[in-house]
């Protein structure tokens, strides 16, 4: 499914790096305060 995370300003780059390494997320993109991504329905990840 498609998800998004909220983040403090300036924290988007850290969220994107974690999504790539921990969640194996695809289609990761950011706007100020939010990061959008696609991932499997694995809540633990």
ModelCIF file with pLDDT and N, C-alpha, C, O atoms, coordinates in Angstrom:
data_MODEL
#
_entry.id   MODEL 
#
_entity.id                         1 
_entity.type                       polymer 
_entity.pdbx_number_of_molecules   1 
#
_entity_poly.entity_id                      1 
_entity_poly.type                           'polypeptide(L)' 
_entity_poly.nstd_linkage                   no 
_entity_poly.nstd_monomer                   no 
_entity_poly.pdbx_seq_one_letter_code       
;(UNK)(UNK)(UNK)(UNK)(UNK)(UNK)(UNK)(UNK)(UNK)(UNK)(UNK)(UNK)(UNK)(UNK)(UNK)(UNK)
(UNK)(UNK)(UNK)(UNK)(UNK)(UNK)(UNK)(UNK)(UNK)(UNK)(UNK)(UNK)(UNK)(UNK)(UNK)(UNK)
(UNK)(UNK)(UNK)(UNK)(UNK)(UNK)(UNK)(UNK)(UNK)(UNK)(UNK)(UNK)(UNK)
;
_entity_poly.pdbx_seq_one_letter_code_can   XXXXXXXXXXXXXXXXXXXXXXXXXXXXXXXXXXXXXXXXXXXXX 
_entity_poly.pdbx_strand_id                 A 
#
loop_
_entity_poly_seq.entity_id 
_entity_poly_seq.num 
_entity_poly_seq.mon_id 
_entity_poly_seq.hetero 
1 1  UNK n 
1 2  UNK n 
1 3  UNK n 
1 4  UNK n 
1 5  UNK n 
1 6  UNK n 
1 7  UNK n 
1 8  UNK n 
1 9  UNK n 
1 10 UNK n 
1 11 UNK n 
1 12 UNK n 
1 13 UNK n 
1 14 UNK n 
1 15 UNK n 
1 16 UNK n 
1 17 UNK n 
1 18 UNK n 
1 19 UNK n 
1 20 UNK n 
1 21 UNK n 
1 22 UNK n 
1 23 UNK n 
1 24 UNK n 
1 25 UNK n 
1 26 UNK n 
1 27 UNK n 
1 28 UNK n 
1 29 UNK n 
1 30 UNK n 
1 31 UNK n 
1 32 UNK n 
1 33 UNK n 
1 34 UNK n 
1 35 UNK n 
1 36 UNK n 
1 37 UNK n 
1 38 UNK n 
1 39 UNK n 
1 40 UNK n 
1 41 UNK n 
1 42 UNK n 
1 43 UNK n 
1 44 UNK n 
1 45 UNK n 
#
_struct_asym.id          A 
_struct_asym.entity_id   1 
#
loop_
_ma_qa_metric.id 
_ma_qa_metric.mode 
_ma_qa_metric.name 
_ma_qa_metric.software_group_id 
_ma_qa_metric.type 
1 global pLDDT . pLDDT 
2 local  pLDDT . pLDDT 
#
_ma_qa_metric_global.metric_id      1 
_ma_qa_metric_global.metric_value   93.93 
_ma_qa_metric_global.model_id       1 
_ma_qa_metric_global.ordinal_id     1 
#
loop_
_ma_qa_metric_local.label_asym_id 
_ma_qa_metric_local.label_comp_id 
_ma_qa_metric_local.label_seq_id 
_ma_qa_metric_local.metric_id 
_ma_qa_metric_local.metric_value 
_ma_qa_metric_local.model_id 
_ma_qa_metric_local.ordinal_id 
A UNK 1  2 93.00 1 1  
A UNK 2  2 95.00 1 2  
A UNK 3  2 97.00 1 3  
A UNK 4  2 97.00 1 4  
A UNK 5  2 96.00 1 5  
A UNK 6  2 95.00 1 6  
A UNK 7  2 95.00 1 7  
A UNK 8  2 93.00 1 8  
A UNK 9  2 92.00 1 9  
A UNK 10 2 95.00 1 10 
A UNK 11 2 96.00 1 11 
A UNK 12 2 96.00 1 12 
A UNK 13 2 96.00 1 13 
A UNK 14 2 97.00 1 14 
A UNK 15 2 97.00 1 15 
A UNK 16 2 97.00 1 16 
A UNK 17 2 95.00 1 17 
A UNK 18 2 95.00 1 18 
A UNK 19 2 95.00 1 19 
A UNK 20 2 93.00 1 20 
A UNK 21 2 92.00 1 21 
A UNK 22 2 92.00 1 22 
A UNK 23 2 93.00 1 23 
A UNK 24 2 91.00 1 24 
A UNK 25 2 94.00 1 25 
A UNK 26 2 94.00 1 26 
A UNK 27 2 95.00 1 27 
A UNK 28 2 96.00 1 28 
A UNK 29 2 95.00 1 29 
A UNK 30 2 94.00 1 30 
A UNK 31 2 93.00 1 31 
A UNK 32 2 92.00 1 32 
A UNK 33 2 93.00 1 33 
A UNK 34 2 96.00 1 34 
A UNK 35 2 97.00 1 35 
A UNK 36 2 97.00 1 36 
A UNK 37 2 96.00 1 37 
A UNK 38 2 95.00 1 38 
A UNK 39 2 94.00 1 39 
A UNK 40 2 91.00 1 40 
A UNK 41 2 88.00 1 41 
A UNK 42 2 89.00 1 42 
A UNK 43 2 88.00 1 43 
A UNK 44 2 88.00 1 44 
A UNK 45 2 89.00 1 45 
#
loop_
_atom_site.group_PDB 
_atom_site.id 
_atom_site.type_symbol 
_atom_site.label_atom_id 
_atom_site.label_alt_id 
_atom_site.label_comp_id 
_atom_site.label_asym_id 
_atom_site.label_entity_id 
_atom_site.label_seq_id 
_atom_site.pdbx_PDB_ins_code 
_atom_site.Cartn_x 
_atom_site.Cartn_y 
_atom_site.Cartn_z 
_atom_site.occupancy 
_atom_site.B_iso_or_equiv 
_atom_site.pdbx_formal_charge 
_atom_site.auth_seq_id 
_atom_site.auth_comp_id 
_atom_site.auth_asym_id 
_atom_site.auth_atom_id 
_atom_site.pdbx_PDB_model_num 
ATOM 1   N N  . UNK A 1 1  ? 0.854  -1.183 0.000  1.00 93.00 ? 1  UNK A N  1 
ATOM 2   C CA . UNK A 1 1  ? 0.000  0.000  0.000  1.00 93.00 ? 1  UNK A CA 1 
ATOM 3   C C  . UNK A 1 1  ? 0.886  1.228  0.000  1.00 93.00 ? 1  UNK A C  1 
ATOM 4   O O  . UNK A 1 1  ? 2.113  1.141  0.055  1.00 93.00 ? 1  UNK A O  1 
ATOM 5   N N  . UNK A 1 2  ? 0.237  2.363  -0.063 1.00 95.00 ? 2  UNK A N  1 
ATOM 6   C CA . UNK A 1 2  ? 0.912  3.648  -0.040 1.00 95.00 ? 2  UNK A CA 1 
ATOM 7   C C  . UNK A 1 2  ? 0.732  4.257  1.350  1.00 95.00 ? 2  UNK A C  1 
ATOM 8   O O  . UNK A 1 2  ? -0.373 4.265  1.893  1.00 95.00 ? 2  UNK A O  1 
ATOM 9   N N  . UNK A 1 3  ? 1.831  4.768  1.921  1.00 97.00 ? 3  UNK A N  1 
ATOM 10  C CA . UNK A 1 3  ? 1.825  5.327  3.261  1.00 97.00 ? 3  UNK A CA 1 
ATOM 11  C C  . UNK A 1 3  ? 2.478  6.702  3.244  1.00 97.00 ? 3  UNK A C  1 
ATOM 12  O O  . UNK A 1 3  ? 3.044  7.123  2.235  1.00 97.00 ? 3  UNK A O  1 
ATOM 13  N N  . UNK A 1 4  ? 2.389  7.401  4.388  1.00 97.00 ? 4  UNK A N  1 
ATOM 14  C CA . UNK A 1 4  ? 3.217  8.590  4.591  1.00 97.00 ? 4  UNK A CA 1 
ATOM 15  C C  . UNK A 1 4  ? 3.523  8.753  6.066  1.00 97.00 ? 4  UNK A C  1 
ATOM 16  O O  . UNK A 1 4  ? 2.738  8.371  6.933  1.00 97.00 ? 4  UNK A O  1 
ATOM 17  N N  . UNK A 1 5  ? 4.685  9.330  6.327  1.00 96.00 ? 5  UNK A N  1 
ATOM 18  C CA . UNK A 1 5  ? 5.120  9.649  7.690  1.00 96.00 ? 5  UNK A CA 1 
ATOM 19  C C  . UNK A 1 5  ? 5.147  11.161 7.857  1.00 96.00 ? 5  UNK A C  1 
ATOM 20  O O  . UNK A 1 5  ? 5.472  11.885 6.915  1.00 96.00 ? 5  UNK A O  1 
ATOM 21  N N  . UNK A 1 6  ? 4.813  11.636 9.033  1.00 95.00 ? 6  UNK A N  1 
ATOM 22  C CA . UNK A 1 6  ? 5.040  13.028 9.373  1.00 95.00 ? 6  UNK A CA 1 
ATOM 23  C C  . UNK A 1 6  ? 6.375  13.138 10.098 1.00 95.00 ? 6  UNK A C  1 
ATOM 24  O O  . UNK A 1 6  ? 6.778  12.228 10.823 1.00 95.00 ? 6  UNK A O  1 
ATOM 25  N N  . UNK A 1 7  ? 7.051  14.255 9.895  1.00 95.00 ? 7  UNK A N  1 
ATOM 26  C CA . UNK A 1 7  ? 8.374  14.449 10.484 1.00 95.00 ? 7  UNK A CA 1 
ATOM 27  C C  . UNK A 1 7  ? 8.583  15.930 10.746 1.00 95.00 ? 7  UNK A C  1 
ATOM 28  O O  . UNK A 1 7  ? 7.992  16.779 10.080 1.00 95.00 ? 7  UNK A O  1 
ATOM 29  N N  . UNK A 1 8  ? 9.425  16.230 11.716 1.00 93.00 ? 8  UNK A N  1 
ATOM 30  C CA . UNK A 1 8  ? 9.792  17.615 11.966 1.00 93.00 ? 8  UNK A CA 1 
ATOM 31  C C  . UNK A 1 8  ? 10.571 18.180 10.797 1.00 93.00 ? 8  UNK A C  1 
ATOM 32  O O  . UNK A 1 8  ? 11.203 17.436 10.047 1.00 93.00 ? 8  UNK A O  1 
ATOM 33  N N  . UNK A 1 9  ? 10.528 19.486 10.641 1.00 92.00 ? 9  UNK A N  1 
ATOM 34  C CA . UNK A 1 9  ? 11.262 20.114 9.537  1.00 92.00 ? 9  UNK A CA 1 
ATOM 35  C C  . UNK A 1 9  ? 12.746 19.787 9.635  1.00 92.00 ? 9  UNK A C  1 
ATOM 36  O O  . UNK A 1 9  ? 13.358 19.932 10.693 1.00 92.00 ? 9  UNK A O  1 
ATOM 37  N N  . UNK A 1 10 ? 13.308 19.351 8.534  1.00 95.00 ? 10 UNK A N  1 
ATOM 38  C CA . UNK A 1 10 ? 14.716 18.968 8.498  1.00 95.00 ? 10 UNK A CA 1 
ATOM 39  C C  . UNK A 1 10 ? 14.961 17.502 8.772  1.00 95.00 ? 10 UNK A C  1 
ATOM 40  O O  . UNK A 1 10 ? 16.065 17.007 8.549  1.00 95.00 ? 10 UNK A O  1 
ATOM 41  N N  . UNK A 1 11 ? 13.938 16.790 9.257  1.00 96.00 ? 11 UNK A N  1 
ATOM 42  C CA . UNK A 1 11 ? 14.081 15.376 9.581  1.00 96.00 ? 11 UNK A CA 1 
ATOM 43  C C  . UNK A 1 11 ? 13.734 14.466 8.402  1.00 96.00 ? 11 UNK A C  1 
ATOM 44  O O  . UNK A 1 11 ? 13.894 13.249 8.497  1.00 96.00 ? 11 UNK A O  1 
ATOM 45  N N  . UNK A 1 12 ? 13.261 15.037 7.294  1.00 96.00 ? 12 UNK A N  1 
ATOM 46  C CA . UNK A 1 12 ? 12.812 14.217 6.174  1.00 96.00 ? 12 UNK A CA 1 
ATOM 47  C C  . UNK A 1 12 ? 13.929 13.317 5.623  1.00 96.00 ? 12 UNK A C  1 
ATOM 48  O O  . UNK A 1 12 ? 13.669 12.167 5.267  1.00 96.00 ? 12 UNK A O  1 
ATOM 49  N N  . UNK A 1 13 ? 15.143 13.815 5.551  1.00 96.00 ? 13 UNK A N  1 
ATOM 50  C CA . UNK A 1 13 ? 16.248 13.026 4.993  1.00 96.00 ? 13 UNK A CA 1 
ATOM 51  C C  . UNK A 1 13 ? 16.547 11.792 5.853  1.00 96.00 ? 13 UNK A C  1 
ATOM 52  O O  . UNK A 1 13 ? 16.912 10.737 5.334  1.00 96.00 ? 13 UNK A O  1 
ATOM 53  N N  . UNK A 1 14 ? 16.388 11.937 7.171  1.00 97.00 ? 14 UNK A N  1 
ATOM 54  C CA . UNK A 1 14 ? 16.617 10.805 8.064  1.00 97.00 ? 14 UNK A CA 1 
ATOM 55  C C  . UNK A 1 14 ? 15.505 9.764  7.911  1.00 97.00 ? 14 UNK A C  1 
ATOM 56  O O  . UNK A 1 14 ? 15.768 8.561  7.936  1.00 97.00 ? 14 UNK A O  1 
ATOM 57  N N  . UNK A 1 15 ? 14.273 10.228 7.754  1.00 97.00 ? 15 UNK A N  1 
ATOM 58  C CA . UNK A 1 15 ? 13.155 9.304  7.550  1.00 97.00 ? 15 UNK A CA 1 
ATOM 59  C C  . UNK A 1 15 ? 13.339 8.545  6.236  1.00 97.00 ? 15 UNK A C  1 
ATOM 60  O O  . UNK A 1 15 ? 13.125 7.334  6.188  1.00 97.00 ? 15 UNK A O  1 
ATOM 61  N N  . UNK A 1 16 ? 13.731 9.242  5.178  1.00 97.00 ? 16 UNK A N  1 
ATOM 62  C CA . UNK A 1 16 ? 13.921 8.601  3.873  1.00 97.00 ? 16 UNK A CA 1 
ATOM 63  C C  . UNK A 1 16 ? 15.019 7.545  3.935  1.00 97.00 ? 16 UNK A C  1 
ATOM 64  O O  . UNK A 1 16 ? 14.895 6.474  3.341  1.00 97.00 ? 16 UNK A O  1 
ATOM 65  N N  . UNK A 1 17 ? 16.092 7.852  4.656  1.00 95.00 ? 17 UNK A N  1 
ATOM 66  C CA . UNK A 1 17 ? 17.186 6.886  4.778  1.00 95.00 ? 17 UNK A CA 1 
ATOM 67  C C  . UNK A 1 17 ? 16.735 5.642  5.531  1.00 95.00 ? 17 UNK A C  1 
ATOM 68  O O  . UNK A 1 17 ? 17.096 4.526  5.157  1.00 95.00 ? 17 UNK A O  1 
ATOM 69  N N  . UNK A 1 18 ? 15.951 5.822  6.588  1.00 95.00 ? 18 UNK A N  1 
ATOM 70  C CA . UNK A 1 18 ? 15.444 4.676  7.345  1.00 95.00 ? 18 UNK A CA 1 
ATOM 71  C C  . UNK A 1 18 ? 14.463 3.841  6.530  1.00 95.00 ? 18 UNK A C  1 
ATOM 72  O O  . UNK A 1 18 ? 14.496 2.612  6.590  1.00 95.00 ? 18 UNK A O  1 
ATOM 73  N N  . UNK A 1 19 ? 13.596 4.496  5.775  1.00 95.00 ? 19 UNK A N  1 
ATOM 74  C CA . UNK A 1 19 ? 12.636 3.767  4.965  1.00 95.00 ? 19 UNK A CA 1 
ATOM 75  C C  . UNK A 1 19 ? 13.344 2.889  3.937  1.00 95.00 ? 19 UNK A C  1 
ATOM 76  O O  . UNK A 1 19 ? 12.890 1.785  3.636  1.00 95.00 ? 19 UNK A O  1 
ATOM 77  N N  . UNK A 1 20 ? 14.449 3.383  3.405  1.00 93.00 ? 20 UNK A N  1 
ATOM 78  C CA . UNK A 1 20 ? 15.207 2.606  2.425  1.00 93.00 ? 20 UNK A CA 1 
ATOM 79  C C  . UNK A 1 20 ? 15.907 1.421  3.071  1.00 93.00 ? 20 UNK A C  1 
ATOM 80  O O  . UNK A 1 20 ? 15.942 0.333  2.496  1.00 93.00 ? 20 UNK A O  1 
ATOM 81  N N  . UNK A 1 21 ? 16.473 1.623  4.276  1.00 92.00 ? 21 UNK A N  1 
ATOM 82  C CA . UNK A 1 21 ? 17.275 0.572  4.900  1.00 92.00 ? 21 UNK A CA 1 
ATOM 83  C C  . UNK A 1 21 ? 16.448 -0.409 5.716  1.00 92.00 ? 21 UNK A C  1 
ATOM 84  O O  . UNK A 1 21 ? 16.771 -1.597 5.745  1.00 92.00 ? 21 UNK A O  1 
ATOM 85  N N  . UNK A 1 22 ? 15.390 0.050  6.380  1.00 92.00 ? 22 UNK A N  1 
ATOM 86  C CA . UNK A 1 22 ? 14.626 -0.805 7.283  1.00 92.00 ? 22 UNK A CA 1 
ATOM 87  C C  . UNK A 1 22 ? 13.384 -1.401 6.639  1.00 92.00 ? 22 UNK A C  1 
ATOM 88  O O  . UNK A 1 22 ? 13.035 -2.551 6.906  1.00 92.00 ? 22 UNK A O  1 
ATOM 89  N N  . UNK A 1 23 ? 12.718 -0.631 5.798  1.00 93.00 ? 23 UNK A N  1 
ATOM 90  C CA . UNK A 1 23 ? 11.423 -1.033 5.277  1.00 93.00 ? 23 UNK A CA 1 
ATOM 91  C C  . UNK A 1 23 ? 11.500 -1.500 3.833  1.00 93.00 ? 23 UNK A C  1 
ATOM 92  O O  . UNK A 1 23 ? 10.546 -2.086 3.321  1.00 93.00 ? 23 UNK A O  1 
ATOM 93  N N  . UNK A 1 24 ? 12.637 -1.248 3.161  1.00 91.00 ? 24 UNK A N  1 
ATOM 94  C CA . UNK A 1 24 ? 12.764 -1.538 1.729  1.00 91.00 ? 24 UNK A CA 1 
ATOM 95  C C  . UNK A 1 24 ? 11.633 -0.856 0.953  1.00 91.00 ? 24 UNK A C  1 
ATOM 96  O O  . UNK A 1 24 ? 11.019 -1.448 0.066  1.00 91.00 ? 24 UNK A O  1 
ATOM 97  N N  . UNK A 1 25 ? 11.379 0.394  1.312  1.00 94.00 ? 25 UNK A N  1 
ATOM 98  C CA . UNK A 1 25 ? 10.283 1.142  0.713  1.00 94.00 ? 25 UNK A CA 1 
ATOM 99  C C  . UNK A 1 25 ? 10.611 1.527  -0.725 1.00 94.00 ? 25 UNK A C  1 
ATOM 100 O O  . UNK A 1 25 ? 11.775 1.673  -1.097 1.00 94.00 ? 25 UNK A O  1 
ATOM 101 N N  . UNK A 1 26 ? 9.569  1.686  -1.517 1.00 94.00 ? 26 UNK A N  1 
ATOM 102 C CA . UNK A 1 26 ? 9.700  2.115  -2.906 1.00 94.00 ? 26 UNK A CA 1 
ATOM 103 C C  . UNK A 1 26 ? 8.974  3.437  -3.095 1.00 94.00 ? 26 UNK A C  1 
ATOM 104 O O  . UNK A 1 26 ? 8.146  3.827  -2.272 1.00 94.00 ? 26 UNK A O  1 
ATOM 105 N N  . UNK A 1 27 ? 9.286  4.114  -4.173 1.00 95.00 ? 27 UNK A N  1 
ATOM 106 C CA . UNK A 1 27 ? 8.632  5.381  -4.519 1.00 95.00 ? 27 UNK A CA 1 
ATOM 107 C C  . UNK A 1 27 ? 8.648  6.352  -3.357 1.00 95.00 ? 27 UNK A C  1 
ATOM 108 O O  . UNK A 1 27 ? 7.626  6.940  -3.004 1.00 95.00 ? 27 UNK A O  1 
ATOM 109 N N  . UNK A 1 28 ? 9.825  6.510  -2.765 1.00 96.00 ? 28 UNK A N  1 
ATOM 110 C CA . UNK A 1 28 ? 9.967  7.401  -1.603 1.00 96.00 ? 28 UNK A CA 1 
ATOM 111 C C  . UNK A 1 28 ? 10.138 8.835  -2.092 1.00 96.00 ? 28 UNK A C  1 
ATOM 112 O O  . UNK A 1 28 ? 11.023 9.119  -2.900 1.00 96.00 ? 28 UNK A O  1 
ATOM 113 N N  . UNK A 1 29 ? 9.313  9.716  -1.615 1.00 95.00 ? 29 UNK A N  1 
ATOM 114 C CA . UNK A 1 29 ? 9.413  11.131 -1.963 1.00 95.00 ? 29 UNK A CA 1 
ATOM 115 C C  . UNK A 1 29 ? 8.992  11.955 -0.755 1.00 95.00 ? 29 UNK A C  1 
ATOM 116 O O  . UNK A 1 29 ? 8.245  11.486 0.104  1.00 95.00 ? 29 UNK A O  1 
ATOM 117 N N  . UNK A 1 30 ? 9.485  13.197 -0.702 1.00 94.00 ? 30 UNK A N  1 
ATOM 118 C CA . UNK A 1 30 ? 9.209  14.019 0.472  1.00 94.00 ? 30 UNK A CA 1 
ATOM 119 C C  . UNK A 1 30 ? 8.761  15.415 0.087  1.00 94.00 ? 30 UNK A C  1 
ATOM 120 O O  . UNK A 1 30 ? 9.105  15.936 -0.974 1.00 94.00 ? 30 UNK A O  1 
ATOM 121 N N  . UNK A 1 31 ? 7.995  15.994 0.968  1.00 93.00 ? 31 UNK A N  1 
ATOM 122 C CA . UNK A 1 31 ? 7.659  17.413 0.972  1.00 93.00 ? 31 UNK A CA 1 
ATOM 123 C C  . UNK A 1 31 ? 7.947  17.890 2.385  1.00 93.00 ? 31 UNK A C  1 
ATOM 124 O O  . UNK A 1 31 ? 8.090  17.059 3.282  1.00 93.00 ? 31 UNK A O  1 
ATOM 125 N N  . UNK A 1 32 ? 8.038  19.187 2.619  1.00 92.00 ? 32 UNK A N  1 
ATOM 126 C CA . UNK A 1 32 ? 8.326  19.644 3.984  1.00 92.00 ? 32 UNK A CA 1 
ATOM 127 C C  . UNK A 1 32 ? 7.344  19.077 5.005  1.00 92.00 ? 32 UNK A C  1 
ATOM 128 O O  . UNK A 1 32 ? 6.141  19.328 4.935  1.00 92.00 ? 32 UNK A O  1 
ATOM 129 N N  . UNK A 1 33 ? 7.876  18.311 5.951  1.00 93.00 ? 33 UNK A N  1 
ATOM 130 C CA . UNK A 1 33 ? 7.064  17.761 7.023  1.00 93.00 ? 33 UNK A CA 1 
ATOM 131 C C  . UNK A 1 33 ? 6.473  16.393 6.773  1.00 93.00 ? 33 UNK A C  1 
ATOM 132 O O  . UNK A 1 33 ? 5.876  15.813 7.679  1.00 93.00 ? 33 UNK A O  1 
ATOM 133 N N  . UNK A 1 34 ? 6.620  15.850 5.559  1.00 96.00 ? 34 UNK A N  1 
ATOM 134 C CA . UNK A 1 34 ? 6.021  14.548 5.247  1.00 96.00 ? 34 UNK A CA 1 
ATOM 135 C C  . UNK A 1 34 ? 6.897  13.779 4.268  1.00 96.00 ? 34 UNK A C  1 
ATOM 136 O O  . UNK A 1 34 ? 7.577  14.357 3.421  1.00 96.00 ? 34 UNK A O  1 
ATOM 137 N N  . UNK A 1 35 ? 6.857  12.439 4.413  1.00 97.00 ? 35 UNK A N  1 
ATOM 138 C CA . UNK A 1 35 ? 7.566  11.543 3.493  1.00 97.00 ? 35 UNK A CA 1 
ATOM 139 C C  . UNK A 1 35 ? 6.581  10.475 3.038  1.00 97.00 ? 35 UNK A C  1 
ATOM 140 O O  . UNK A 1 35 ? 5.984  9.786  3.865  1.00 97.00 ? 35 UNK A O  1 
ATOM 141 N N  . UNK A 1 36 ? 6.409  10.336 1.730  1.00 97.00 ? 36 UNK A N  1 
ATOM 142 C CA . UNK A 1 36 ? 5.487  9.369  1.149  1.00 97.00 ? 36 UNK A CA 1 
ATOM 143 C C  . UNK A 1 36 ? 6.272  8.168  0.639  1.00 97.00 ? 36 UNK A C  1 
ATOM 144 O O  . UNK A 1 36 ? 7.390  8.314  0.145  1.00 97.00 ? 36 UNK A O  1 
ATOM 145 N N  . UNK A 1 37 ? 5.678  6.966  0.762  1.00 96.00 ? 37 UNK A N  1 
ATOM 146 C CA . UNK A 1 37 ? 6.381  5.765  0.315  1.00 96.00 ? 37 UNK A CA 1 
ATOM 147 C C  . UNK A 1 37 ? 5.399  4.625  0.090  1.00 96.00 ? 37 UNK A C  1 
ATOM 148 O O  . UNK A 1 37 ? 4.273  4.646  0.588  1.00 96.00 ? 37 UNK A O  1 
ATOM 149 N N  . UNK A 1 38 ? 5.841  3.639  -0.660 1.00 95.00 ? 38 UNK A N  1 
ATOM 150 C CA . UNK A 1 38 ? 5.084  2.402  -0.859 1.00 95.00 ? 38 UNK A CA 1 
ATOM 151 C C  . UNK A 1 38 ? 5.812  1.274  -0.150 1.00 95.00 ? 38 UNK A C  1 
ATOM 152 O O  . UNK A 1 38 ? 7.041  1.208  -0.177 1.00 95.00 ? 38 UNK A O  1 
ATOM 153 N N  . UNK A 1 39 ? 5.048  0.379  0.489  1.00 94.00 ? 39 UNK A N  1 
ATOM 154 C CA . UNK A 1 39 ? 5.662  -0.724 1.231  1.00 94.00 ? 39 UNK A CA 1 
ATOM 155 C C  . UNK A 1 39 ? 4.651  -1.844 1.413  1.00 94.00 ? 39 UNK A C  1 
ATOM 156 O O  . UNK A 1 39 ? 3.448  -1.659 1.224  1.00 94.00 ? 39 UNK A O  1 
ATOM 157 N N  . UNK A 1 40 ? 5.163  -3.006 1.783  1.00 91.00 ? 40 UNK A N  1 
ATOM 158 C CA . UNK A 1 40 ? 4.295  -4.132 2.095  1.00 91.00 ? 40 UNK A CA 1 
ATOM 159 C C  . UNK A 1 40 ? 3.530  -3.858 3.393  1.00 91.00 ? 40 UNK A C  1 
ATOM 160 O O  . UNK A 1 40 ? 3.918  -3.016 4.203  1.00 91.00 ? 40 UNK A O  1 
ATOM 161 N N  . UNK A 1 41 ? 2.446  -4.586 3.558  1.00 88.00 ? 41 UNK A N  1 
ATOM 162 C CA . UNK A 1 41 ? 1.631  -4.411 4.767  1.00 88.00 ? 41 UNK A CA 1 
ATOM 163 C C  . UNK A 1 41 ? 2.260  -5.155 5.941  1.00 88.00 ? 41 UNK A C  1 
ATOM 164 O O  . UNK A 1 41 ? 1.666  -6.075 6.504  1.00 88.00 ? 41 UNK A O  1 
ATOM 165 N N  . UNK A 1 42 ? 3.464  -4.741 6.296  1.00 89.00 ? 42 UNK A N  1 
ATOM 166 C CA . UNK A 1 42 ? 4.197  -5.332 7.417  1.00 89.00 ? 42 UNK A CA 1 
ATOM 167 C C  . UNK A 1 42 ? 4.389  -4.264 8.477  1.00 89.00 ? 42 UNK A C  1 
ATOM 168 O O  . UNK A 1 42 ? 5.320  -3.462 8.399  1.00 89.00 ? 42 UNK A O  1 
ATOM 169 N N  . UNK A 1 43 ? 3.508  -4.255 9.469  1.00 88.00 ? 43 UNK A N  1 
ATOM 170 C CA . UNK A 1 43 ? 3.528  -3.206 10.472 1.00 88.00 ? 43 UNK A CA 1 
ATOM 171 C C  . UNK A 1 43 ? 4.780  -3.252 11.333 1.00 88.00 ? 43 UNK A C  1 
ATOM 172 O O  . UNK A 1 43 ? 5.255  -2.211 11.786 1.00 88.00 ? 43 UNK A O  1 
ATOM 173 N N  . UNK A 1 44 ? 5.326  -4.453 11.567 1.00 88.00 ? 44 UNK A N  1 
ATOM 174 C CA . UNK A 1 44 ? 6.528  -4.561 12.390 1.00 88.00 ? 44 UNK A CA 1 
ATOM 175 C C  . UNK A 1 44 ? 7.702  -3.826 11.761 1.00 88.00 ? 44 UNK A C  1 
ATOM 176 O O  . UNK A 1 44 ? 8.501  -3.210 12.467 1.00 88.00 ? 44 UNK A O  1 
ATOM 177 N N  . UNK A 1 45 ? 7.812  -3.887 10.433 1.00 89.00 ? 45 UNK A N  1 
ATOM 178 C CA . UNK A 1 45 ? 8.878  -3.154 9.757  1.00 89.00 ? 45 UNK A CA 1 
ATOM 179 C C  . UNK A 1 45 ? 8.659  -1.660 9.842  1.00 89.00 ? 45 UNK A C  1 
ATOM 180 O O  . UNK A 1 45 ? 9.466  -0.887 9.324  1.00 89.00 ? 45 UNK A O  1 
#
